[in-house]
Amino acid sequence: MLYFIFQFWREAEASGAGWADSFSFLRILQYITVRAGLATVIALLLSLAFGSRVVRKLISLKVGQPLRTAEEVHDLAKLHGGKAGTPTMGGILILGTMMIAILLCANLTNPFVLVTSLVTLALGILGFLDDYQKVAKKNSAGVSGKMKLAWQGSVGLAAGLFLYFNPETSSYLFYSSANGPTPVSVSDFSFPLIDFAIPLGIIAIPAFMAILMGTSNGVNLTDGLDGLATGVTITVAMAYAMIIYLAGNQNAAEYLHIMHNRSLGELTVVLMALVGSSFGFLWFNCHPARVFMGDTGSLAIGGTIGMAAICAKQELLLMVIGFVFFMEAVSVILQVGSFKLRGKRIFRMAPIHHHFELKGWNENQVIIRFWIISMLCCLVGIALLKVI
C-alpha cells in the first residue's frame, strides 16, 4: 500500500498537480530501507497489540499442545511435563502480522515478493492443518509424513517453475573478479568461496524443492524449546535481509562479486516483516512460553527462509547462516539412520537440543547457547561475502 501511495504521488507530481508539493515527504517511501524498517515496526507492534488476545482465544478453544508420552520420550517427559496444555498454533500470530506488514509496506507486483509470500502462506496452511489434526485427535501425530512431504514438494515445484520461467526472476548478473558482469540464470548456484556460478539448468528445480523441504522441516525440528526457533529465525532472517539488499544493489553486488538482480532488493521488506513478527511473538514465546508457534509458524518460516536463500542465489551459504536449523535436521537423520543400520543411537535424543537437555543443560542454557551459535554463524556467513 505504501509503495503504491508513493507511485500515486510521483505520478501526481509529474503531472503538475498542485497538492503534490504539500506531500513531498512521501518520496521517502521509494526507499526499500524505509519500508523495510516500517514493516519491522508494524509487524512488531501488531504482535504486541494482539498477542495476548490471540493467546487467550487459543486457550478458550482448548488448542493445547499434545506432548509425547513418557513411554515415548522417557526422561524428557519429566522436564517438559509442565508444558502440557500450553496453546499451540501461535504461528497464526506470526503469519498474520507478517502478511499485514507485507501488504502495507511491500511492492506486491514484485515477483520475488509475490512468490515468497505465496510459498509462506501455502506452507503456513499445511502447518495449520497439521496442528489442527494434533489438537483434534489429542496426539502428536498430525498430518502424515508422506502427505507433508508431498505438499512441501508441490509448493517447491510451483515456486521453482515460477522462478525458472519468469524472465524477471530468472535473469541475474554474476560479478566475478575474472570476467566481470556475466549473465547467468536463477538455475545457477554460487558460493562466496568460489568465483564462478555453477549452472544446473532444469535440475535446479528439484534442488529448489529440496531446499524448501529442508528448511521448512529444519525450522520445524528446531521448534522444540521455548523461543529457540523464534530467536534463531530472527538472526537468520536479518542476515538474509542484508544479503538480499546487497544483491539487489548493482554497486554492492559488483564489489562483493555476488549474483545481482535489480528486482531482488524488494524482498528485504518481506524478511524484515518476518523479523518484526518474530520479535513480537518472542515476547509471548520466551521461557516459560505462554504459546507455541506450532507447525503453522515453523513450516511457514522455513518457507520464507528457503525462498530467501534461493532468490538471493546463496543457497549453499544457508548451511552456514542457518547452521542451527541444518544441525537440528542432520541430527535427526543421523539418529534415525544409525538406529536402523546399527541398532544404536548417536545422541541421547534427537533433535540435538534434546540431547543437551538430557546431558544436564537446563532449557534456558540450551536456548541461549543455540542463539549465540546462530548469531556467530550469521556473522561468518555475511563475512564470507567478501573473501575475493
Foldseek 3Di string as FASTA:
>chain_A
DLLVVLVVLVVCVVVPPPCSVVVVVSPVLVDLVVLLVQLLQQLQVQLQVCVVVVLVVQLVVQLWQQDDDCVVVPPVCVQCVVRTSQHEQSLCSLLVSLVVSCVVRFDCVQVLSVLLNVLLQQQLVQQVQQSVVCSVVSHNCGDDPVVNLVSLLVSLLVSLVCQQPPVQNFWKWFQFPVPGTDIGTLQWADALVDRDTHHDPPVSSVVSSVLLVLLLVLLQQQQPAQLQSLLLLLLLLVLLLVLQLQQLDPVSNNQLRFIHRVSRNSLSSSSSSSNSNSVSLSVQRHPVHSYGNTSSNSSSSSSNSSSSCSSSSNSVLCCQLVVSSVLQVVQVVQQVVCCVPPVDGPAPDGPPLVSVVVVPDRRVRSRVVSSVSNNVSSVVSSVSSHDD
